[in-house]
Amino acid sequence: MKLPFANRFGRGAKRVNRSFVRFRCEVDTELMLLDRVMSYEGRIIDISRGGALFRPKLAYIMRRANVPVCIQWGSEELFGQIVGTSPAGFSIRFEQPIDEELFDELTAPLRVTPKAAA
């Protein structure tokens, strides 16, 4: 017998609907927490037009959520908000999706591949 409330207690896999295709990458960059004017060196390891996954170089990642941030990528500044923290890093949602032409320009030097669907 299957109980209807079993998925509410962590048994079911969480499914996230995404608006943009994500790409794996390795971009060394800096993330600034705007509420504390504090910076972290690290790497963007996953990027889309709507957000990114930033992995700080720190050994320990402090849990953060709803923190406004700015990512310095070359001459561009990408503003967003930390929406979650995991062992992989900070999940960031950009305030506005990156323009398609700018996204192509930023990712052109990278060898990015679409991330496999889960």
PDB file of N, CA and C in Angstrom:
ATOM      1  N   MET A   1       0.845  -1.185   0.000  1.00  0.00           N
ATOM      2  CA  MET A   1       0.000   0.000   0.000  1.00  0.00           C
ATOM      3  C   MET A   1       0.884   1.239   0.000  1.00  0.00           C
ATOM      4  N   LYS A   2       0.614   2.134  -0.878  1.00  0.00           N
ATOM      5  CA  LYS A   2       1.400   3.359  -0.987  1.00  0.00           C
ATOM      6  C   LYS A   2       0.676   4.501  -0.276  1.00  0.00           C
ATOM      7  N   LEU A   3       1.400   5.172   0.600  1.00  0.00           N
ATOM      8  CA  LEU A   3       0.804   6.279   1.334  1.00  0.00           C
ATOM      9  C   LEU A   3       0.949   7.572   0.529  1.00  0.00           C
ATOM     10  N   PRO A   4      -0.093   8.377   0.420  1.00  0.00           N
ATOM     11  CA  PRO A   4      -0.040   9.583  -0.407  1.00  0.00           C
ATOM     12  C   PRO A   4       0.888  10.667   0.141  1.00  0.00           C
ATOM     13  N   PHE A   5       1.199  10.626   1.407  1.00  0.00           N
ATOM     14  CA  PHE A   5       2.032  11.670   1.989  1.00  0.00           C
ATOM     15  C   PHE A   5       3.508  11.293   2.064  1.00  0.00           C
ATOM     16  N   ALA A   6       3.912  10.147   1.536  1.00  0.00           N
ATOM     17  CA  ALA A   6       5.297   9.682   1.629  1.00  0.00           C
ATOM     18  C   ALA A   6       6.274  10.640   0.950  1.00  0.00           C
ATOM     19  N   ASN A   7       5.905  11.243  -0.162  1.00  0.00           N
ATOM     20  CA  ASN A   7       6.794  12.158  -0.866  1.00  0.00           C
ATOM     21  C   ASN A   7       7.065  13.440  -0.087  1.00  0.00           C
ATOM     22  N   ARG A   8       6.251  13.754   0.843  1.00  0.00           N
ATOM     23  CA  ARG A   8       6.448  14.974   1.632  1.00  0.00           C
ATOM     24  C   ARG A   8       7.552  14.812   2.671  1.00  0.00           C
ATOM     25  N   PHE A   9       8.014  13.606   2.870  1.00  0.00           N
ATOM     26  CA  PHE A   9       9.022  13.355   3.880  1.00  0.00           C
ATOM     27  C   PHE A   9      10.348  12.923   3.276  1.00  0.00           C
ATOM     28  N   GLY A  10      10.674  13.410   2.082  1.00  0.00           N
ATOM     29  CA  GLY A  10      11.989  13.214   1.510  1.00  0.00           C
ATOM     30  C   GLY A  10      12.191  11.948   0.712  1.00  0.00           C
ATOM     31  N   ARG A  11      11.155  11.181   0.463  1.00  0.00           N
ATOM     32  CA  ARG A  11      11.336   9.943  -0.289  1.00  0.00           C
ATOM     33  C   ARG A  11      11.355  10.171  -1.793  1.00  0.00           C
ATOM     34  N   GLY A  12      10.705  11.205  -2.246  1.00  0.00           N
ATOM     35  CA  GLY A  12      10.659  11.483  -3.678  1.00  0.00           C
ATOM     36  C   GLY A  12      11.775  12.433  -4.083  1.00  0.00           C
ATOM     37  N   ALA A  13      12.232  12.310  -5.304  1.00  0.00           N
ATOM     38  CA  ALA A  13      13.278  13.208  -5.802  1.00  0.00           C
ATOM     39  C   ALA A  13      12.658  14.564  -6.122  1.00  0.00           C
ATOM     40  N   LYS A  14      13.365  15.611  -5.749  1.00  0.00           N
ATOM     41  CA  LYS A  14      12.890  16.951  -6.056  1.00  0.00           C
ATOM     42  C   LYS A  14      13.116  17.224  -7.540  1.00  0.00           C
ATOM     43  N   ARG A  15      12.151  17.779  -8.189  1.00  0.00           N
ATOM     44  CA  ARG A  15      12.235  18.100  -9.610  1.00  0.00           C
ATOM     45  C   ARG A  15      12.154  19.609  -9.735  1.00  0.00           C
ATOM     46  N   VAL A  16      13.154  20.201 -10.377  1.00  0.00           N
ATOM     47  CA  VAL A  16      13.193  21.649 -10.544  1.00  0.00           C
ATOM     48  C   VAL A  16      12.981  21.974 -12.013  1.00  0.00           C
ATOM     49  N   ASN A  17      11.988  22.795 -12.289  1.00  0.00           N
ATOM     50  CA  ASN A  17      11.771  23.236 -13.662  1.00  0.00           C
ATOM     51  C   ASN A  17      12.665  24.427 -13.933  1.00  0.00           C
ATOM     52  N   ARG A  18      13.439  24.356 -14.994  1.00  0.00           N
ATOM     53  CA  ARG A  18      14.378  25.414 -15.331  1.00  0.00           C
ATOM     54  C   ARG A  18      13.948  26.103 -16.606  1.00  0.00           C
ATOM     55  N   SER A  19      14.149  27.422 -16.636  1.00  0.00           N
ATOM     56  CA  SER A  19      13.789  28.201 -17.814  1.00  0.00           C
ATOM     57  C   SER A  19      14.873  28.181 -18.874  1.00  0.00           C
ATOM     58  N   PHE A  20      16.127  27.981 -18.456  1.00  0.00           N
ATOM     59  CA  PHE A  20      17.259  28.058 -19.372  1.00  0.00           C
ATOM     60  C   PHE A  20      18.123  26.803 -19.257  1.00  0.00           C
ATOM     61  N   VAL A  21      18.779  26.461 -20.354  1.00  0.00           N
ATOM     62  CA  VAL A  21      19.690  25.317 -20.373  1.00  0.00           C
ATOM     63  C   VAL A  21      20.929  25.670 -19.568  1.00  0.00           C
ATOM     64  N   ARG A  22      21.377  24.718 -18.730  1.00  0.00           N
ATOM     65  CA  ARG A  22      22.577  24.924 -17.918  1.00  0.00           C
ATOM     66  C   ARG A  22      23.776  24.307 -18.609  1.00  0.00           C
ATOM     67  N   PHE A  23      24.934  24.905 -18.370  1.00  0.00           N
ATOM     68  CA  PHE A  23      26.184  24.424 -18.941  1.00  0.00           C
ATOM     69  C   PHE A  23      27.222  24.260 -17.854  1.00  0.00           C
ATOM     70  N   ARG A  24      28.001  23.206 -17.942  1.00  0.00           N
ATOM     71  CA  ARG A  24      29.149  23.021 -17.051  1.00  0.00           C
ATOM     72  C   ARG A  24      30.263  23.921 -17.549  1.00  0.00           C
ATOM     73  N   CYS A  25      31.000  24.496 -16.620  1.00  0.00           N
ATOM     74  CA  CYS A  25      32.140  25.332 -16.995  1.00  0.00           C
ATOM     75  C   CYS A  25      33.073  25.431 -15.794  1.00  0.00           C
ATOM     76  N   GLU A  26      34.194  26.073 -15.993  1.00  0.00           N
ATOM     77  CA  GLU A  26      35.138  26.349 -14.910  1.00  0.00           C
ATOM     78  C   GLU A  26      35.685  27.746 -15.136  1.00  0.00           C
ATOM     79  N   VAL A  27      35.061  28.715 -14.498  1.00  0.00           N
ATOM     80  CA  VAL A  27      35.447  30.110 -14.664  1.00  0.00           C
ATOM     81  C   VAL A  27      35.887  30.654 -13.317  1.00  0.00           C
ATOM     82  N   ASP A  28      37.167  30.991 -13.199  1.00  0.00           N
ATOM     83  CA  ASP A  28      37.657  31.613 -11.964  1.00  0.00           C
ATOM     84  C   ASP A  28      37.118  33.030 -11.906  1.00  0.00           C
ATOM     85  N   THR A  29      36.509  33.366 -10.788  1.00  0.00           N
ATOM     86  CA  THR A  29      35.882  34.672 -10.648  1.00  0.00           C
ATOM     87  C   THR A  29      35.789  35.050  -9.172  1.00  0.00           C
ATOM     88  N   GLU A  30      35.130  36.139  -8.898  1.00  0.00           N
ATOM     89  CA  GLU A  30      34.961  36.618  -7.532  1.00  0.00           C
ATOM     90  C   GLU A  30      33.501  36.934  -7.296  1.00  0.00           C
ATOM     91  N   LEU A  31      33.013  36.555  -6.129  1.00  0.00           N
ATOM     92  CA  LEU A  31      31.633  36.800  -5.730  1.00  0.00           C
ATOM     93  C   LEU A  31      31.643  37.775  -4.562  1.00  0.00           C
ATOM     94  N   MET A  32      30.874  38.849  -4.676  1.00  0.00           N
ATOM     95  CA  MET A  32      30.798  39.819  -3.588  1.00  0.00           C
ATOM     96  C   MET A  32      29.417  39.750  -2.950  1.00  0.00           C
ATOM     97  N   LEU A  33      29.396  39.558  -1.623  1.00  0.00           N
ATOM     98  CA  LEU A  33      28.148  39.618  -0.860  1.00  0.00           C
ATOM     99  C   LEU A  33      27.848  41.090  -0.634  1.00  0.00           C
ATOM    100  N   LEU A  34      26.770  41.580  -1.201  1.00  0.00           N
ATOM    101  CA  LEU A  34      26.488  43.014  -1.147  1.00  0.00           C
ATOM    102  C   LEU A  34      25.982  43.481   0.204  1.00  0.00           C
ATOM    103  N   ASP A  35      25.450  42.567   1.018  1.00  0.00           N
ATOM    104  CA  ASP A  35      24.955  42.983   2.324  1.00  0.00           C
ATOM    105  C   ASP A  35      26.089  43.188   3.333  1.00  0.00           C
ATOM    106  N   ARG A  36      27.259  42.595   3.069  1.00  0.00           N
ATOM    107  CA  ARG A  36      28.387  42.713   3.999  1.00  0.00           C
ATOM    108  C   ARG A  36      29.642  43.266   3.340  1.00  0.00           C
ATOM    109  N   VAL A  37      29.572  43.560   2.065  1.00  0.00           N
ATOM    110  CA  VAL A  37      30.715  44.020   1.285  1.00  0.00           C
ATOM    111  C   VAL A  37      31.913  43.104   1.557  1.00  0.00           C
ATOM    112  N   MET A  38      31.676  41.828   1.315  1.00  0.00           N
ATOM    113  CA  MET A  38      32.664  40.795   1.559  1.00  0.00           C
ATOM    114  C   MET A  38      32.801  39.982   0.278  1.00  0.00           C
ATOM    115  N   SER A  39      34.025  39.624  -0.100  1.00  0.00           N
ATOM    116  CA  SER A  39      34.249  38.909  -1.350  1.00  0.00           C
ATOM    117  C   SER A  39      34.786  37.508  -1.114  1.00  0.00           C
ATOM    118  N   TYR A  40      34.424  36.617  -2.026  1.00  0.00           N
ATOM    119  CA  TYR A  40      34.942  35.252  -2.038  1.00  0.00           C
ATOM    120  C   TYR A  40      35.568  34.998  -3.405  1.00  0.00           C
ATOM    121  N   GLU A  41      36.787  34.474  -3.411  1.00  0.00           N
ATOM    122  CA  GLU A  41      37.358  33.981  -4.653  1.00  0.00           C
ATOM    123  C   GLU A  41      36.815  32.585  -4.860  1.00  0.00           C
ATOM    124  N   GLY A  42      36.607  32.234  -6.119  1.00  0.00           N
ATOM    125  CA  GLY A  42      36.094  30.904  -6.389  1.00  0.00           C
ATOM    126  C   GLY A  42      35.920  30.671  -7.867  1.00  0.00           C
ATOM    127  N   ARG A  43      34.988  29.789  -8.172  1.00  0.00           N
ATOM    128  CA  ARG A  43      34.814  29.367  -9.560  1.00  0.00           C
ATOM    129  C   ARG A  43      33.339  29.128  -9.836  1.00  0.00           C
ATOM    130  N   ILE A  44      32.887  29.603 -10.985  1.00  0.00           N
ATOM    131  CA  ILE A  44      31.555  29.251 -11.467  1.00  0.00           C
ATOM    132  C   ILE A  44      31.700  27.883 -12.111  1.00  0.00           C
ATOM    133  N   ILE A  45      30.901  26.920 -11.643  1.00  0.00           N
ATOM    134  CA  ILE A  45      31.013  25.569 -12.173  1.00  0.00           C
ATOM    135  C   ILE A  45      29.784  25.143 -12.980  1.00  0.00           C
ATOM    136  N   ASP A  46      28.771  25.996 -12.987  1.00  0.00           N
ATOM    137  CA  ASP A  46      27.539  25.698 -13.699  1.00  0.00           C
ATOM    138  C   ASP A  46      26.905  27.051 -14.030  1.00  0.00           C
ATOM    139  N   ILE A  47      26.490  27.261 -15.273  1.00  0.00           N
ATOM    140  CA  ILE A  47      25.963  28.576 -15.655  1.00  0.00           C
ATOM    141  C   ILE A  47      24.792  28.415 -16.619  1.00  0.00           C
ATOM    142  N   SER A  48      23.860  29.331 -16.519  1.00  0.00           N
ATOM    143  CA  SER A  48      22.778  29.462 -17.500  1.00  0.00           C
ATOM    144  C   SER A  48      22.498  30.948 -17.624  1.00  0.00           C
ATOM    145  N   ARG A  49      21.590  31.298 -18.508  1.00  0.00           N
ATOM    146  CA  ARG A  49      21.246  32.714 -18.637  1.00  0.00           C
ATOM    147  C   ARG A  49      20.525  33.219 -17.391  1.00  0.00           C
ATOM    148  N   GLY A  50      19.931  32.330 -16.601  1.00  0.00           N
ATOM    149  CA  GLY A  50      19.154  32.732 -15.435  1.00  0.00           C
ATOM    150  C   GLY A  50      19.857  32.614 -14.106  1.00  0.00           C
ATOM    151  N   GLY A  51      21.024  31.935 -14.067  1.00  0.00           N
ATOM    152  CA  GLY A  51      21.693  31.770 -12.788  1.00  0.00           C
ATOM    153  C   GLY A  51      22.998  31.006 -12.923  1.00  0.00           C
ATOM    154  N   ALA A  52      23.615  30.752 -11.774  1.00  0.00           N
ATOM    155  CA  ALA A  52      24.913  30.082 -11.767  1.00  0.00           C
ATOM    156  C   ALA A  52      25.096  29.326 -10.465  1.00  0.00           C
ATOM    157  N   LEU A  53      26.057  28.415 -10.478  1.00  0.00           N
ATOM    158  CA  LEU A  53      26.493  27.728  -9.268  1.00  0.00           C
ATOM    159  C   LEU A  53      27.932  28.151  -9.022  1.00  0.00           C
ATOM    160  N   PHE A  54      28.168  28.816  -7.901  1.00  0.00           N
ATOM    161  CA  PHE A  54      29.481  29.363  -7.561  1.00  0.00           C
ATOM    162  C   PHE A  54      30.079  28.540  -6.437  1.00  0.00           C
ATOM    163  N   ARG A  55      31.281  28.043  -6.652  1.00  0.00           N
ATOM    164  CA  ARG A  55      31.998  27.260  -5.639  1.00  0.00           C
ATOM    165  C   ARG A  55      33.140  28.085  -5.083  1.00  0.00           C
ATOM    166  N   PRO A  56      33.039  28.551  -3.826  1.00  0.00           N
ATOM    167  CA  PRO A  56      34.148  29.301  -3.238  1.00  0.00           C
ATOM    168  C   PRO A  56      35.360  28.407  -3.001  1.00  0.00           C
ATOM    169  N   LYS A  57      36.542  29.019  -2.930  1.00  0.00           N
ATOM    170  CA  LYS A  57      37.771  28.270  -2.685  1.00  0.00           C
ATOM    171  C   LYS A  57      37.899  27.843  -1.228  1.00  0.00           C
ATOM    172  N   LEU A  58      37.000  28.294  -0.388  1.00  0.00           N
ATOM    173  CA  LEU A  58      37.040  27.946   1.033  1.00  0.00           C
ATOM    174  C   LEU A  58      36.793  26.459   1.237  1.00  0.00           C
ATOM    175  N   ALA A  59      37.359  25.917   2.272  1.00  0.00           N
ATOM    176  CA  ALA A  59      37.142  24.509   2.600  1.00  0.00           C
ATOM    177  C   ALA A  59      35.740  24.298   3.176  1.00  0.00           C
ATOM    178  N   TYR A  60      35.205  25.305   3.828  1.00  0.00           N
ATOM    179  CA  TYR A  60      33.897  25.194   4.466  1.00  0.00           C
ATOM    180  C   TYR A  60      32.971  26.251   3.882  1.00  0.00           C
ATOM    181  N   ILE A  61      31.800  25.835   3.438  1.00  0.00           N
ATOM    182  CA  ILE A  61      30.830  26.769   2.857  1.00  0.00           C
ATOM    183  C   ILE A  61      29.787  27.099   3.914  1.00  0.00           C
ATOM    184  N   MET A  62      29.660  28.367   4.229  1.00  0.00           N
ATOM    185  CA  MET A  62      28.650  28.787   5.196  1.00  0.00           C
ATOM    186  C   MET A  62      27.291  28.849   4.511  1.00  0.00           C
ATOM    187  N   ARG A  63      26.274  28.434   5.226  1.00  0.00           N
ATOM    188  CA  ARG A  63      24.919  28.432   4.688  1.00  0.00           C
ATOM    189  C   ARG A  63      24.441  29.879   4.513  1.00  0.00           C
ATOM    190  N   ARG A  64      24.003  30.174   3.306  1.00  0.00           N
ATOM    191  CA  ARG A  64      23.490  31.512   3.010  1.00  0.00           C
ATOM    192  C   ARG A  64      22.259  31.389   2.120  1.00  0.00           C
ATOM    193  N   ALA A  65      21.322  32.302   2.302  1.00  0.00           N
ATOM    194  CA  ALA A  65      20.135  32.357   1.451  1.00  0.00           C
ATOM    195  C   ALA A  65      19.611  33.782   1.454  1.00  0.00           C
ATOM    196  N   ASN A  66      19.008  34.177   0.357  1.00  0.00           N
ATOM    197  CA  ASN A  66      18.414  35.511   0.192  1.00  0.00           C
ATOM    198  C   ASN A  66      19.437  36.618   0.399  1.00  0.00           C
ATOM    199  N   VAL A  67      20.662  36.395  -0.061  1.00  0.00           N
ATOM    200  CA  VAL A  67      21.727  37.381   0.070  1.00  0.00           C
ATOM    201  C   VAL A  67      22.007  37.965  -1.318  1.00  0.00           C
ATOM    202  N   PRO A  68      21.916  39.294  -1.476  1.00  0.00           N
ATOM    203  CA  PRO A  68      22.239  39.885  -2.775  1.00  0.00           C
ATOM    204  C   PRO A  68      23.738  39.782  -3.049  1.00  0.00           C
ATOM    205  N   VAL A  69      24.085  39.456  -4.304  1.00  0.00           N
ATOM    206  CA  VAL A  69      25.476  39.251  -4.678  1.00  0.00           C
ATOM    207  C   VAL A  69      25.780  39.908  -6.020  1.00  0.00           C
ATOM    208  N   CYS A  70      27.072  40.046  -6.270  1.00  0.00           N
ATOM    209  CA  CYS A  70      27.556  40.516  -7.560  1.00  0.00           C
ATOM    210  C   CYS A  70      28.726  39.622  -7.958  1.00  0.00           C
ATOM    211  N   ILE A  71      28.660  39.078  -9.179  1.00  0.00           N
ATOM    212  CA  ILE A  71      29.757  38.268  -9.708  1.00  0.00           C
ATOM    213  C   ILE A  71      30.500  39.104 -10.728  1.00  0.00           C
ATOM    214  N   GLN A  72      31.794  39.230 -10.528  1.00  0.00           N
ATOM    215  CA  GLN A  72      32.650  39.948 -11.471  1.00  0.00           C
ATOM    216  C   GLN A  72      33.178  38.933 -12.476  1.00  0.00           C
ATOM    217  N   TRP A  73      32.769  39.035 -13.725  1.00  0.00           N
ATOM    218  CA  TRP A  73      33.199  38.120 -14.785  1.00  0.00           C
ATOM    219  C   TRP A  73      33.802  38.953 -15.899  1.00  0.00           C
ATOM    220  N   GLY A  74      35.117  39.008 -15.929  1.00  0.00           N
ATOM    221  CA  GLY A  74      35.791  39.868 -16.903  1.00  0.00           C
ATOM    222  C   GLY A  74      35.417  41.312 -16.628  1.00  0.00           C
ATOM    223  N   SER A  75      34.878  41.993 -17.638  1.00  0.00           N
ATOM    224  CA  SER A  75      34.455  43.387 -17.462  1.00  0.00           C
ATOM    225  C   SER A  75      32.980  43.486 -17.090  1.00  0.00           C
ATOM    226  N   GLU A  76      32.309  42.360 -16.985  1.00  0.00           N
ATOM    227  CA  GLU A  76      30.874  42.353 -16.670  1.00  0.00           C
ATOM    228  C   GLU A  76      30.628  42.133 -15.184  1.00  0.00           C
ATOM    229  N   GLU A  77      29.562  42.748 -14.679  1.00  0.00           N
ATOM    230  CA  GLU A  77      29.093  42.514 -13.315  1.00  0.00           C
ATOM    231  C   GLU A  77      27.706  41.912 -13.411  1.00  0.00           C
ATOM    232  N   LEU A  78      27.530  40.743 -12.835  1.00  0.00           N
ATOM    233  CA  LEU A  78      26.250  40.047 -12.863  1.00  0.00           C
ATOM    234  C   LEU A  78      25.643  40.089 -11.467  1.00  0.00           C
ATOM    235  N   PHE A  79      24.501  40.727 -11.340  1.00  0.00           N
ATOM    236  CA  PHE A  79      23.849  40.880 -10.042  1.00  0.00           C
ATOM    237  C   PHE A  79      22.778  39.816  -9.871  1.00  0.00           C
ATOM    238  N   GLY A  80      22.677  39.299  -8.654  1.00  0.00           N
ATOM    239  CA  GLY A  80      21.680  38.285  -8.365  1.00  0.00           C
ATOM    240  C   GLY A  80      21.520  38.084  -6.885  1.00  0.00           C
ATOM    241  N   GLN A  81      21.014  36.905  -6.540  1.00  0.00           N
ATOM    242  CA  GLN A  81      20.736  36.584  -5.145  1.00  0.00           C
ATOM    243  C   GLN A  81      21.030  35.111  -4.910  1.00  0.00           C
ATOM    244  N   ILE A  82      21.638  34.815  -3.769  1.00  0.00           N
ATOM    245  CA  ILE A  82      21.849  33.422  -3.390  1.00  0.00           C
ATOM    246  C   ILE A  82      20.489  32.847  -2.997  1.00  0.00           C
ATOM    247  N   VAL A  83      20.097  31.770  -3.661  1.00  0.00           N
ATOM    248  CA  VAL A  83      18.805  31.154  -3.380  1.00  0.00           C
ATOM    249  C   VAL A  83      18.954  29.827  -2.637  1.00  0.00           C
ATOM    250  N   GLY A  84      20.193  29.359  -2.515  1.00  0.00           N
ATOM    251  CA  GLY A  84      20.419  28.116  -1.792  1.00  0.00           C
ATOM    252  C   GLY A  84      21.896  27.832  -1.631  1.00  0.00           C
ATOM    253  N   THR A  85      22.204  26.988  -0.654  1.00  0.00           N
ATOM    254  CA  THR A  85      23.575  26.573  -0.389  1.00  0.00           C
ATOM    255  C   THR A  85      23.605  25.052  -0.327  1.00  0.00           C
ATOM    256  N   SER A  86      24.602  24.474  -0.964  1.00  0.00           N
ATOM    257  CA  SER A  86      24.774  23.024  -0.937  1.00  0.00           C
ATOM    258  C   SER A  86      26.267  22.735  -0.819  1.00  0.00           C
ATOM    259  N   PRO A  87      26.662  21.496  -0.630  1.00  0.00           N
ATOM    260  CA  PRO A  87      28.098  21.190  -0.597  1.00  0.00           C
ATOM    261  C   PRO A  87      28.810  21.567  -1.894  1.00  0.00           C
ATOM    262  N   ALA A  88      28.066  21.674  -3.002  1.00  0.00           N
ATOM    263  CA  ALA A  88      28.664  22.057  -4.283  1.00  0.00           C
ATOM    264  C   ALA A  88      28.954  23.558  -4.354  1.00  0.00           C
ATOM    265  N   GLY A  89      28.222  24.373  -3.593  1.00  0.00           N
ATOM    266  CA  GLY A  89      28.448  25.816  -3.621  1.00  0.00           C
ATOM    267  C   GLY A  89      27.175  26.608  -3.431  1.00  0.00           C
ATOM    268  N   PHE A  90      27.222  27.876  -3.860  1.00  0.00           N
ATOM    269  CA  PHE A  90      26.080  28.786  -3.744  1.00  0.00           C
ATOM    270  C   PHE A  90      25.289  28.778  -5.047  1.00  0.00           C
ATOM    271  N   SER A  91      23.986  28.541  -4.958  1.00  0.00           N
ATOM    272  CA  SER A  91      23.103  28.639  -6.121  1.00  0.00           C
ATOM    273  C   SER A  91      22.642  30.081  -6.225  1.00  0.00           C
ATOM    274  N   ILE A  92      22.885  30.688  -7.371  1.00  0.00           N
ATOM    275  CA  ILE A  92      22.589  32.103  -7.560  1.00  0.00           C
ATOM    276  C   ILE A  92      21.579  32.272  -8.683  1.00  0.00           C
ATOM    277  N   ARG A  93      20.554  33.065  -8.429  1.00  0.00           N
ATOM    278  CA  ARG A  93      19.598  33.447  -9.462  1.00  0.00           C
ATOM    279  C   ARG A  93      19.881  34.899  -9.827  1.00  0.00           C
ATOM    280  N   PHE A  94      20.087  35.158 -11.113  1.00  0.00           N
ATOM    281  CA  PHE A  94      20.360  36.516 -11.562  1.00  0.00           C
ATOM    282  C   PHE A  94      19.095  37.353 -11.494  1.00  0.00           C
ATOM    283  N   GLU A  95      19.276  38.667 -11.227  1.00  0.00           N
ATOM    284  CA  GLU A  95      18.129  39.577 -11.171  1.00  0.00           C
ATOM    285  C   GLU A  95      17.380  39.586 -12.494  1.00  0.00           C
ATOM    286  N   GLN A  96      18.119  39.659 -13.571  1.00  0.00           N
ATOM    287  CA  GLN A  96      17.571  39.611 -14.923  1.00  0.00           C
ATOM    288  C   GLN A  96      18.334  38.550 -15.695  1.00  0.00           C
ATOM    289  N   PRO A  97      17.671  37.779 -16.545  1.00  0.00           N
ATOM    290  CA  PRO A  97      18.416  36.813 -17.352  1.00  0.00           C
ATOM    291  C   PRO A  97      19.484  37.537 -18.185  1.00  0.00           C
ATOM    292  N   ILE A  98      20.623  36.888 -18.341  1.00  0.00           N
ATOM    293  CA  ILE A  98      21.688  37.458 -19.159  1.00  0.00           C
ATOM    294  C   ILE A  98      21.208  37.491 -20.599  1.00  0.00           C
ATOM    295  N   ASP A  99      21.425  38.612 -21.257  1.00  0.00           N
ATOM    296  CA  ASP A  99      21.072  38.747 -22.660  1.00  0.00           C
ATOM    297  C   ASP A  99      21.735  37.626 -23.455  1.00  0.00           C
ATOM    298  N   GLU A 100      21.023  37.071 -24.416  1.00  0.00           N
ATOM    299  CA  GLU A 100      21.528  35.921 -25.169  1.00  0.00           C
ATOM    300  C   GLU A 100      22.857  36.222 -25.863  1.00  0.00           C
ATOM    301  N   GLU A 101      22.998  37.400 -26.439  1.00  0.00           N
ATOM    302  CA  GLU A 101      24.248  37.765 -27.118  1.00  0.00           C
ATOM    303  C   GLU A 101      25.398  37.890 -26.119  1.00  0.00           C
ATOM    304  N   LEU A 102      25.142  38.512 -24.972  1.00  0.00           N
ATOM    305  CA  LEU A 102      26.178  38.647 -23.943  1.00  0.00           C
ATOM    306  C   LEU A 102      26.563  37.272 -23.399  1.00  0.00           C
ATOM    307  N   PHE A 103      25.573  36.410 -23.189  1.00  0.00           N
ATOM    308  CA  PHE A 103      25.856  35.056 -22.694  1.00  0.00           C
ATOM    309  C   PHE A 103      26.747  34.301 -23.674  1.00  0.00           C
ATOM    310  N   ASP A 104      26.429  34.395 -24.954  1.00  0.00           N
ATOM    311  CA  ASP A 104      27.254  33.740 -25.980  1.00  0.00           C
ATOM    312  C   ASP A 104      28.665  34.304 -25.985  1.00  0.00           C
ATOM    313  N   GLU A 105      28.780  35.618 -25.804  1.00  0.00           N
ATOM    314  CA  GLU A 105      30.105  36.262 -25.772  1.00  0.00           C
ATOM    315  C   GLU A 105      30.907  35.811 -24.548  1.00  0.00           C
ATOM    316  N   LEU A 106      30.264  35.738 -23.389  1.00  0.00           N
ATOM    317  CA  LEU A 106      30.954  35.339 -22.161  1.00  0.00           C
ATOM    318  C   LEU A 106      31.395  33.878 -22.206  1.00  0.00           C
ATOM    319  N   THR A 107      30.566  33.032 -22.775  1.00  0.00           N
ATOM    320  CA  THR A 107      30.865  31.602 -22.761  1.00  0.00           C
ATOM    321  C   THR A 107      31.615  31.120 -24.005  1.00  0.00           C
ATOM    322  N   ALA A 108      31.819  31.978 -24.990  1.00  0.00           N
ATOM    323  CA  ALA A 108      32.508  31.579 -26.221  1.00  0.00           C
ATOM    324  C   ALA A 108      33.895  30.995 -25.984  1.00  0.00           C
ATOM    325  N   PRO A 109      34.741  31.605 -25.108  1.00  0.00           N
ATOM    326  CA  PRO A 109      36.070  31.040 -24.913  1.00  0.00           C
ATOM    327  C   PRO A 109      36.073  29.720 -24.131  1.00  0.00           C
ATOM    328  N   LEU A 110      34.958  29.370 -23.543  1.00  0.00           N
ATOM    329  CA  LEU A 110      34.868  28.153 -22.737  1.00  0.00           C
ATOM    330  C   LEU A 110      34.450  26.990 -23.614  1.00  0.00           C
ATOM    331  N   ARG A 111      34.845  25.845 -23.200  1.00  0.00           N
ATOM    332  CA  ARG A 111      34.341  24.635 -23.855  1.00  0.00           C
ATOM    333  C   ARG A 111      33.207  24.117 -23.010  1.00  0.00           C
ATOM    334  N   VAL A 112      32.025  24.683 -23.208  1.00  0.00           N
ATOM    335  CA  VAL A 112      30.871  24.311 -22.404  1.00  0.00           C
ATOM    336  C   VAL A 112      30.056  23.270 -23.136  1.00  0.00           C
ATOM    337  N   THR A 113      29.456  22.395 -22.376  1.00  0.00           N
ATOM    338  CA  THR A 113      28.563  21.380 -22.933  1.00  0.00           C
ATOM    339  C   THR A 113      27.282  21.386 -22.120  1.00  0.00           C
ATOM    340  N   PRO A 114      26.146  21.130 -22.765  1.00  0.00           N
ATOM    341  CA  PRO A 114      24.885  21.085 -21.998  1.00  0.00           C
ATOM    342  C   PRO A 114      24.970  20.023 -20.912  1.00  0.00           C
ATOM    343  N   LYS A 115      24.457  20.358 -19.743  1.00  0.00           N
ATOM    344  CA  LYS A 115      24.453  19.422 -18.631  1.00  0.00           C
ATOM    345  C   LYS A 115      23.401  18.354 -18.892  1.00  0.00           C
ATOM    346  N   ALA A 116      23.727  17.132 -18.618  1.00  0.00           N
ATOM    347  CA  ALA A 116      22.795  16.024 -18.834  1.00  0.00           C
ATOM    348  C   ALA A 116      21.548  16.201 -17.968  1.00  0.00           C
ATOM    349  N   ALA A 117      20.414  15.929 -18.544  1.00  0.00           N
ATOM    350  CA  ALA A 117      19.163  16.052 -17.793  1.00  0.00           C
ATOM    351  C   ALA A 117      19.117  14.989 -16.710  1.00  0.00           C
ATOM    352  N   ALA A 118      18.615  15.401 -15.563  1.00  0.00           N
ATOM    353  CA  ALA A 118      18.542  14.463 -14.429  1.00  0.00           C
ATOM    354  C   ALA A 118      17.301  13.631 -14.501  1.00  0.00           C
TER     355      ALA A 118
END
